[in-house]
Each structure stands twice: as structure tokens, then as C-alpha cells.
Amino acid sequence: MKYFINEHCRGCGMCAKRCPRHAIHGAIGVRQQIRQEKCLHCGRCFRVCRFGAVEELPDGQPLPGEENCQDAPAPEDAEA
């Protein structure tokens, strides 16, 4: 299970404070981000968020914004 912080994030930082691996970062008042490579997938961020800003994504589902990455041409393949 992956976790993703959506547009409902208010930047309170509570999820970052509870993360045992310090995988969540961002300035207070700004939408936080999860560093997937550091995330333990423990769900603490999901459970502590009062705003519904942390979403659970099933294994294999791409993170929002990654859906079309495989279909996009590599920069060297794009026409000039």
C-alpha cells in the first residue's frame, strides 16, 4: 500500500511529526509530500490526518501524476 497526500492537505505537519522514517516533508502551511523511497507504508500518516488529505493507493496503482509517464516520449525522442 502506498500513501499519497492530496489537495486537501493544509500543511499542518502532523503527518510529518508522526512519520517514523521522516519520509514526509514540506513547509508549514504548504501541502506536504511523501518521499516514497523512505516510506515504511505503516499508515501512521493516514490515521493521524484530520483533513482526509492522505490517501491509500493499492499496490501497483501509480501515484497521481505518474499515470501517463510511461506513454510520454523521452526528451530525446520528442521533435524539436
PDB file of N, CA and C in Angstrom:
ATOM      1  N   MET A   1       0.847  -1.175   0.000  1.00  0.00           N
ATOM      2  CA  MET A   1       0.000   0.000   0.000  1.00  0.00           C
ATOM      3  C   MET A   1       0.896   1.243   0.000  1.00  0.00           C
ATOM      4  N   LYS A   2       0.628   2.136  -0.940  1.00  0.00           N
ATOM      5  CA  LYS A   2       1.322   3.424  -0.977  1.00  0.00           C
ATOM      6  C   LYS A   2       0.403   4.473  -0.378  1.00  0.00           C
ATOM      7  N   TYR A   3       1.000   5.560   0.050  1.00  0.00           N
ATOM      8  CA  TYR A   3       0.235   6.683   0.573  1.00  0.00           C
ATOM      9  C   TYR A   3       0.578   7.927  -0.228  1.00  0.00           C
ATOM     10  N   PHE A   4      -0.419   8.773  -0.422  1.00  0.00           N
ATOM     11  CA  PHE A   4      -0.280   9.984  -1.221  1.00  0.00           C
ATOM     12  C   PHE A   4      -1.007  11.110  -0.506  1.00  0.00           C
ATOM     13  N   ILE A   5      -0.412  12.291  -0.479  1.00  0.00           N
ATOM     14  CA  ILE A   5      -1.054  13.448   0.139  1.00  0.00           C
ATOM     15  C   ILE A   5      -1.731  14.263  -0.952  1.00  0.00           C
ATOM     16  N   ASN A   6      -3.035  14.411  -0.831  1.00  0.00           N
ATOM     17  CA  ASN A   6      -3.826  15.073  -1.867  1.00  0.00           C
ATOM     18  C   ASN A   6      -4.002  16.574  -1.601  1.00  0.00           C
ATOM     19  N   GLU A   7      -4.863  17.182  -2.406  1.00  0.00           N
ATOM     20  CA  GLU A   7      -5.069  18.631  -2.364  1.00  0.00           C
ATOM     21  C   GLU A   7      -5.778  19.121  -1.103  1.00  0.00           C
ATOM     22  N   HIS A   8      -6.269  18.228  -0.267  1.00  0.00           N
ATOM     23  CA  HIS A   8      -6.927  18.636   0.976  1.00  0.00           C
ATOM     24  C   HIS A   8      -5.934  18.967   2.089  1.00  0.00           C
ATOM     25  N   CYS A   9      -4.664  18.726   1.834  1.00  0.00           N
ATOM     26  CA  CYS A   9      -3.618  19.000   2.837  1.00  0.00           C
ATOM     27  C   CYS A   9      -3.580  20.486   3.158  1.00  0.00           C
ATOM     28  N   ARG A  10      -3.555  20.779   4.451  1.00  0.00           N
ATOM     29  CA  ARG A  10      -3.466  22.172   4.917  1.00  0.00           C
ATOM     30  C   ARG A  10      -2.070  22.522   5.418  1.00  0.00           C
ATOM     31  N   GLY A  11      -1.176  21.560   5.359  1.00  0.00           N
ATOM     32  CA  GLY A  11       0.198  21.820   5.765  1.00  0.00           C
ATOM     33  C   GLY A  11       0.393  21.949   7.264  1.00  0.00           C
ATOM     34  N   CYS A  12      -0.430  21.235   8.040  1.00  0.00           N
ATOM     35  CA  CYS A  12      -0.310  21.335   9.499  1.00  0.00           C
ATOM     36  C   CYS A  12       0.954  20.640  10.014  1.00  0.00           C
ATOM     37  N   GLY A  13       1.454  19.656   9.261  1.00  0.00           N
ATOM     38  CA  GLY A  13       2.678  18.959   9.651  1.00  0.00           C
ATOM     39  C   GLY A  13       2.485  17.802  10.614  1.00  0.00           C
ATOM     40  N   MET A  14       1.247  17.502  10.976  1.00  0.00           N
ATOM     41  CA  MET A  14       1.007  16.413  11.926  1.00  0.00           C
ATOM     42  C   MET A  14       1.483  15.070  11.360  1.00  0.00           C
ATOM     43  N   CYS A  15       1.251  14.842  10.074  1.00  0.00           N
ATOM     44  CA  CYS A  15       1.693  13.577   9.477  1.00  0.00           C
ATOM     45  C   CYS A  15       3.216  13.466   9.513  1.00  0.00           C
ATOM     46  N   ALA A  16       3.894  14.565   9.230  1.00  0.00           N
ATOM     47  CA  ALA A  16       5.358  14.563   9.238  1.00  0.00           C
ATOM     48  C   ALA A  16       5.899  14.287  10.643  1.00  0.00           C
ATOM     49  N   LYS A  17       5.227  14.834  11.643  1.00  0.00           N
ATOM     50  CA  LYS A  17       5.661  14.601  13.031  1.00  0.00           C
ATOM     51  C   LYS A  17       5.517  13.151  13.434  1.00  0.00           C
ATOM     52  N   ARG A  18       4.515  12.463  12.893  1.00  0.00           N
ATOM     53  CA  ARG A  18       4.251  11.076  13.264  1.00  0.00           C
ATOM     54  C   ARG A  18       5.007  10.054  12.422  1.00  0.00           C
ATOM     55  N   CYS A  19       5.623  10.481  11.341  1.00  0.00           N
ATOM     56  CA  CYS A  19       6.313   9.548  10.456  1.00  0.00           C
ATOM     57  C   CYS A  19       7.615   9.048  11.099  1.00  0.00           C
ATOM     58  N   PRO A  20       7.748   7.721  11.306  1.00  0.00           N
ATOM     59  CA  PRO A  20       8.951   7.198  11.958  1.00  0.00           C
ATOM     60  C   PRO A  20      10.208   7.282  11.098  1.00  0.00           C
ATOM     61  N   ARG A  21      10.056   7.426   9.783  1.00  0.00           N
ATOM     62  CA  ARG A  21      11.212   7.488   8.884  1.00  0.00           C
ATOM     63  C   ARG A  21      11.478   8.896   8.355  1.00  0.00           C
ATOM     64  N   HIS A  22      10.720   9.879   8.811  1.00  0.00           N
ATOM     65  CA  HIS A  22      10.866  11.264   8.335  1.00  0.00           C
ATOM     66  C   HIS A  22      10.753  11.323   6.813  1.00  0.00           C
ATOM     67  N   ALA A  23       9.783  10.549   6.286  1.00  0.00           N
ATOM     68  CA  ALA A  23       9.585  10.474   4.843  1.00  0.00           C
ATOM     69  C   ALA A  23       8.663  11.575   4.322  1.00  0.00           C
ATOM     70  N   ILE A  24       8.084  12.369   5.218  1.00  0.00           N
ATOM     71  CA  ILE A  24       7.154  13.420   4.814  1.00  0.00           C
ATOM     72  C   ILE A  24       7.809  14.768   5.053  1.00  0.00           C
ATOM     73  N   HIS A  25       7.739  15.621   4.046  1.00  0.00           N
ATOM     74  CA  HIS A  25       8.381  16.928   4.168  1.00  0.00           C
ATOM     75  C   HIS A  25       7.508  18.012   3.553  1.00  0.00           C
ATOM     76  N   GLY A  26       7.796  19.227   3.913  1.00  0.00           N
ATOM     77  CA  GLY A  26       7.087  20.391   3.389  1.00  0.00           C
ATOM     78  C   GLY A  26       7.027  21.464   4.455  1.00  0.00           C
ATOM     79  N   ALA A  27       6.914  22.688   4.015  1.00  0.00           N
ATOM     80  CA  ALA A  27       6.816  23.811   4.947  1.00  0.00           C
ATOM     81  C   ALA A  27       5.432  23.825   5.589  1.00  0.00           C
ATOM     82  N   ILE A  28       5.350  24.351   6.789  1.00  0.00           N
ATOM     83  CA  ILE A  28       4.070  24.505   7.472  1.00  0.00           C
ATOM     84  C   ILE A  28       3.197  25.443   6.638  1.00  0.00           C
ATOM     85  N   GLY A  29       1.950  25.058   6.438  1.00  0.00           N
ATOM     86  CA  GLY A  29       1.023  25.845   5.642  1.00  0.00           C
ATOM     87  C   GLY A  29       1.033  25.508   4.164  1.00  0.00           C
ATOM     88  N   VAL A  30       1.899  24.572   3.779  1.00  0.00           N
ATOM     89  CA  VAL A  30       2.030  24.163   2.381  1.00  0.00           C
ATOM     90  C   VAL A  30       1.784  22.654   2.306  1.00  0.00           C
ATOM     91  N   ARG A  31       1.217  22.199   1.218  1.00  0.00           N
ATOM     92  CA  ARG A  31       0.953  20.770   1.029  1.00  0.00           C
ATOM     93  C   ARG A  31       2.223  19.955   1.230  1.00  0.00           C
ATOM     94  N   GLN A  32       2.126  18.943   2.067  1.00  0.00           N
ATOM     95  CA  GLN A  32       3.242  18.071   2.379  1.00  0.00           C
ATOM     96  C   GLN A  32       3.423  17.038   1.264  1.00  0.00           C
ATOM     97  N   GLN A  33       4.581  16.409   1.217  1.00  0.00           N
ATOM     98  CA  GLN A  33       4.865  15.377   0.223  1.00  0.00           C
ATOM     99  C   GLN A  33       5.510  14.188   0.910  1.00  0.00           C
ATOM    100  N   ILE A  34       5.229  13.004   0.386  1.00  0.00           N
ATOM    101  CA  ILE A  34       5.808  11.774   0.920  1.00  0.00           C
ATOM    102  C   ILE A  34       6.921  11.316  -0.009  1.00  0.00           C
ATOM    103  N   ARG A  35       8.097  11.091   0.543  1.00  0.00           N
ATOM    104  CA  ARG A  35       9.206  10.508  -0.210  1.00  0.00           C
ATOM    105  C   ARG A  35       8.994   9.000  -0.197  1.00  0.00           C
ATOM    106  N   GLN A  36       8.496   8.479  -1.306  1.00  0.00           N
ATOM    107  CA  GLN A  36       8.117   7.066  -1.372  1.00  0.00           C
ATOM    108  C   GLN A  36       9.279   6.131  -1.070  1.00  0.00           C
ATOM    109  N   GLU A  37      10.484   6.523  -1.447  1.00  0.00           N
ATOM    110  CA  GLU A  37      11.641   5.647  -1.226  1.00  0.00           C
ATOM    111  C   GLU A  37      11.990   5.489   0.255  1.00  0.00           C
ATOM    112  N   LYS A  38      11.515   6.406   1.104  1.00  0.00           N
ATOM    113  CA  LYS A  38      11.764   6.324   2.542  1.00  0.00           C
ATOM    114  C   LYS A  38      10.580   5.777   3.319  1.00  0.00           C
ATOM    115  N   CYS A  39       9.411   5.754   2.695  1.00  0.00           N
ATOM    116  CA  CYS A  39       8.167   5.385   3.373  1.00  0.00           C
ATOM    117  C   CYS A  39       8.155   3.907   3.765  1.00  0.00           C
ATOM    118  N   LEU A  40       7.730   3.636   5.005  1.00  0.00           N
ATOM    119  CA  LEU A  40       7.590   2.264   5.501  1.00  0.00           C
ATOM    120  C   LEU A  40       6.218   1.686   5.191  1.00  0.00           C
ATOM    121  N   HIS A  41       5.291   2.515   4.742  1.00  0.00           N
ATOM    122  CA  HIS A  41       3.915   2.105   4.456  1.00  0.00           C
ATOM    123  C   HIS A  41       3.213   1.624   5.723  1.00  0.00           C
ATOM    124  N   CYS A  42       3.505   2.291   6.838  1.00  0.00           N
ATOM    125  CA  CYS A  42       2.933   1.911   8.129  1.00  0.00           C
ATOM    126  C   CYS A  42       1.527   2.473   8.344  1.00  0.00           C
ATOM    127  N   GLY A  43       1.166   3.538   7.626  1.00  0.00           N
ATOM    128  CA  GLY A  43      -0.168   4.108   7.730  1.00  0.00           C
ATOM    129  C   GLY A  43      -0.364   5.123   8.837  1.00  0.00           C
ATOM    130  N   ARG A  44       0.682   5.478   9.547  1.00  0.00           N
ATOM    131  CA  ARG A  44       0.520   6.467  10.627  1.00  0.00           C
ATOM    132  C   ARG A  44       0.033   7.801  10.080  1.00  0.00           C
ATOM    133  N   CYS A  45       0.551   8.214   8.951  1.00  0.00           N
ATOM    134  CA  CYS A  45       0.139   9.480   8.350  1.00  0.00           C
ATOM    135  C   CYS A  45      -1.343   9.447   8.000  1.00  0.00           C
ATOM    136  N   PHE A  46      -1.800   8.336   7.465  1.00  0.00           N
ATOM    137  CA  PHE A  46      -3.197   8.159   7.090  1.00  0.00           C
ATOM    138  C   PHE A  46      -4.108   8.257   8.315  1.00  0.00           C
ATOM    139  N   ARG A  47      -3.713   7.615   9.388  1.00  0.00           N
ATOM    140  CA  ARG A  47      -4.536   7.587  10.602  1.00  0.00           C
ATOM    141  C   ARG A  47      -4.564   8.916  11.334  1.00  0.00           C
ATOM    142  N   VAL A  48      -3.514   9.705  11.253  1.00  0.00           N
ATOM    143  CA  VAL A  48      -3.442  10.941  12.031  1.00  0.00           C
ATOM    144  C   VAL A  48      -4.043  12.148  11.312  1.00  0.00           C
ATOM    145  N   CYS A  49      -4.211  12.092  10.006  1.00  0.00           N
ATOM    146  CA  CYS A  49      -4.685  13.258   9.252  1.00  0.00           C
ATOM    147  C   CYS A  49      -6.161  13.517   9.519  1.00  0.00           C
ATOM    148  N   ARG A  50      -6.471  14.724   9.995  1.00  0.00           N
ATOM    149  CA  ARG A  50      -7.843  15.116  10.308  1.00  0.00           C
ATOM    150  C   ARG A  50      -8.574  15.673   9.092  1.00  0.00           C
ATOM    151  N   PHE A  51      -7.878  15.888   8.002  1.00  0.00           N
ATOM    152  CA  PHE A  51      -8.463  16.554   6.836  1.00  0.00           C
ATOM    153  C   PHE A  51      -8.721  15.603   5.669  1.00  0.00           C
ATOM    154  N   GLY A  52      -8.426  14.327   5.839  1.00  0.00           N
ATOM    155  CA  GLY A  52      -8.615  13.372   4.761  1.00  0.00           C
ATOM    156  C   GLY A  52      -7.659  13.593   3.603  1.00  0.00           C
ATOM    157  N   ALA A  53      -6.491  14.144   3.916  1.00  0.00           N
ATOM    158  CA  ALA A  53      -5.527  14.500   2.880  1.00  0.00           C
ATOM    159  C   ALA A  53      -4.586  13.364   2.504  1.00  0.00           C
ATOM    160  N   VAL A  54      -4.541  12.328   3.305  1.00  0.00           N
ATOM    161  CA  VAL A  54      -3.655  11.202   2.999  1.00  0.00           C
ATOM    162  C   VAL A  54      -4.513  10.073   2.432  1.00  0.00           C
ATOM    163  N   GLU A  55      -4.186   9.664   1.227  1.00  0.00           N
ATOM    164  CA  GLU A  55      -4.925   8.601   0.547  1.00  0.00           C
ATOM    165  C   GLU A  55      -4.098   7.328   0.510  1.00  0.00           C
ATOM    166  N   GLU A  56      -4.798   6.202   0.634  1.00  0.00           N
ATOM    167  CA  GLU A  56      -4.167   4.896   0.453  1.00  0.00           C
ATOM    168  C   GLU A  56      -4.312   4.516  -1.016  1.00  0.00           C
ATOM    169  N   LEU A  57      -3.232   4.095  -1.624  1.00  0.00           N
ATOM    170  CA  LEU A  57      -3.256   3.640  -3.012  1.00  0.00           C
ATOM    171  C   LEU A  57      -2.867   2.169  -3.042  1.00  0.00           C
ATOM    172  N   PRO A  58      -3.664   1.336  -3.688  1.00  0.00           N
ATOM    173  CA  PRO A  58      -3.328  -0.092  -3.770  1.00  0.00           C
ATOM    174  C   PRO A  58      -1.987  -0.307  -4.470  1.00  0.00           C
ATOM    175  N   ASP A  59      -1.326  -1.400  -4.111  1.00  0.00           N
ATOM    176  CA  ASP A  59      -0.068  -1.744  -4.763  1.00  0.00           C
ATOM    177  C   ASP A  59      -0.289  -1.849  -6.269  1.00  0.00           C
ATOM    178  N   GLY A  60       0.635  -1.316  -7.017  1.00  0.00           N
ATOM    179  CA  GLY A  60       0.552  -1.348  -8.465  1.00  0.00           C
ATOM    180  C   GLY A  60      -0.138  -0.141  -9.074  1.00  0.00           C
ATOM    181  N   GLN A  61      -0.908   0.594  -8.278  1.00  0.00           N
ATOM    182  CA  GLN A  61      -1.564   1.799  -8.804  1.00  0.00           C
ATOM    183  C   GLN A  61      -0.558   2.944  -8.795  1.00  0.00           C
ATOM    184  N   PRO A  62      -0.404   3.637  -9.916  1.00  0.00           N
ATOM    185  CA  PRO A  62       0.560   4.741  -9.961  1.00  0.00           C
ATOM    186  C   PRO A  62       0.101   5.918  -9.104  1.00  0.00           C
ATOM    187  N   LEU A  63       1.041   6.667  -8.618  1.00  0.00           N
ATOM    188  CA  LEU A  63       0.725   7.886  -7.879  1.00  0.00           C
ATOM    189  C   LEU A  63       0.119   8.899  -8.837  1.00  0.00           C
ATOM    190  N   PRO A  64      -0.773   9.757  -8.363  1.00  0.00           N
ATOM    191  CA  PRO A  64      -1.308  10.804  -9.246  1.00  0.00           C
ATOM    192  C   PRO A  64      -0.172  11.588  -9.893  1.00  0.00           C
ATOM    193  N   GLY A  65      -0.287  11.795 -11.191  1.00  0.00           N
ATOM    194  CA  GLY A  65       0.762  12.476 -11.942  1.00  0.00           C
ATOM    195  C   GLY A  65       1.715  11.518 -12.618  1.00  0.00           C
ATOM    196  N   GLU A  66       1.715  10.244 -12.208  1.00  0.00           N
ATOM    197  CA  GLU A  66       2.578   9.238 -12.822  1.00  0.00           C
ATOM    198  C   GLU A  66       1.838   8.405 -13.860  1.00  0.00           C
ATOM    199  N   GLU A  67       0.515   8.590 -13.983  1.00  0.00           N
ATOM    200  CA  GLU A  67      -0.299   7.747 -14.852  1.00  0.00           C
ATOM    201  C   GLU A  67       0.205   7.726 -16.288  1.00  0.00           C
ATOM    202  N   ASN A  68       0.608   8.875 -16.816  1.00  0.00           N
ATOM    203  CA  ASN A  68       0.979   8.967 -18.219  1.00  0.00           C
ATOM    204  C   ASN A  68       2.490   8.967 -18.450  1.00  0.00           C
ATOM    205  N   CYS A  69       3.254   8.742 -17.416  1.00  0.00           N
ATOM    206  CA  CYS A  69       4.713   8.802 -17.556  1.00  0.00           C
ATOM    207  C   CYS A  69       5.235   7.753 -18.535  1.00  0.00           C
ATOM    208  N   GLN A  70       4.628   6.581 -18.569  1.00  0.00           N
ATOM    209  CA  GLN A  70       5.111   5.522 -19.454  1.00  0.00           C
ATOM    210  C   GLN A  70       4.791   5.829 -20.911  1.00  0.00           C
ATOM    211  N   ASP A  71       3.728   6.599 -21.154  1.00  0.00           N
ATOM    212  CA  ASP A  71       3.322   6.905 -22.517  1.00  0.00           C
ATOM    213  C   ASP A  71       4.027   8.136 -23.084  1.00  0.00           C
ATOM    214  N   ALA A  72       4.613   8.939 -22.238  1.00  0.00           N
ATOM    215  CA  ALA A  72       5.253  10.166 -22.692  1.00  0.00           C
ATOM    216  C   ALA A  72       6.566   9.842 -23.399  1.00  0.00           C
ATOM    217  N   PRO A  73       6.850  10.521 -24.507  1.00  0.00           N
ATOM    218  CA  PRO A  73       8.116  10.256 -25.200  1.00  0.00           C
ATOM    219  C   PRO A  73       9.305  10.768 -24.378  1.00  0.00           C
ATOM    220  N   ALA A  74      10.416  10.088 -24.493  1.00  0.00           N
ATOM    221  CA  ALA A  74      11.640  10.547 -23.834  1.00  0.00           C
ATOM    222  C   ALA A  74      12.047  11.863 -24.472  1.00  0.00           C
ATOM    223  N   PRO A  75      12.712  12.754 -23.726  1.00  0.00           N
ATOM    224  CA  PRO A  75      13.088  14.058 -24.282  1.00  0.00           C
ATOM    225  C   PRO A  75      13.863  13.968 -25.591  1.00  0.00           C
ATOM    226  N   GLU A  76      14.721  12.965 -25.743  1.00  0.00           N
ATOM    227  CA  GLU A  76      15.500  12.857 -26.972  1.00  0.00           C
ATOM    228  C   GLU A  76      14.649  12.368 -28.146  1.00  0.00           C
ATOM    229  N   ASP A  77      13.473  11.756 -27.859  1.00  0.00           N
ATOM    230  CA  ASP A  77      12.582  11.290 -28.901  1.00  0.00           C
ATOM    231  C   ASP A  77      11.613  12.373 -29.376  1.00  0.00           C
ATOM    232  N   ALA A  78      11.424  13.404 -28.566  1.00  0.00           N
ATOM    233  CA  ALA A  78      10.474  14.471 -28.899  1.00  0.00           C
ATOM    234  C   ALA A  78      11.010  15.295 -30.065  1.00  0.00           C
ATOM    235  N   GLU A  79      10.085  15.761 -30.892  1.00  0.00           N
ATOM    236  CA  GLU A  79      10.501  16.597 -32.024  1.00  0.00           C
ATOM    237  C   GLU A  79      10.900  17.968 -31.548  1.00  0.00           C
ATOM    238  N   ALA A  80      11.884  18.555 -32.216  1.00  0.00           N
ATOM    239  CA  ALA A  80      12.375  19.884 -31.827  1.00  0.00           C
ATOM    240  C   ALA A  80      11.548  20.951 -32.451  1.00  0.00           C
TER     241      ALA A  80
END
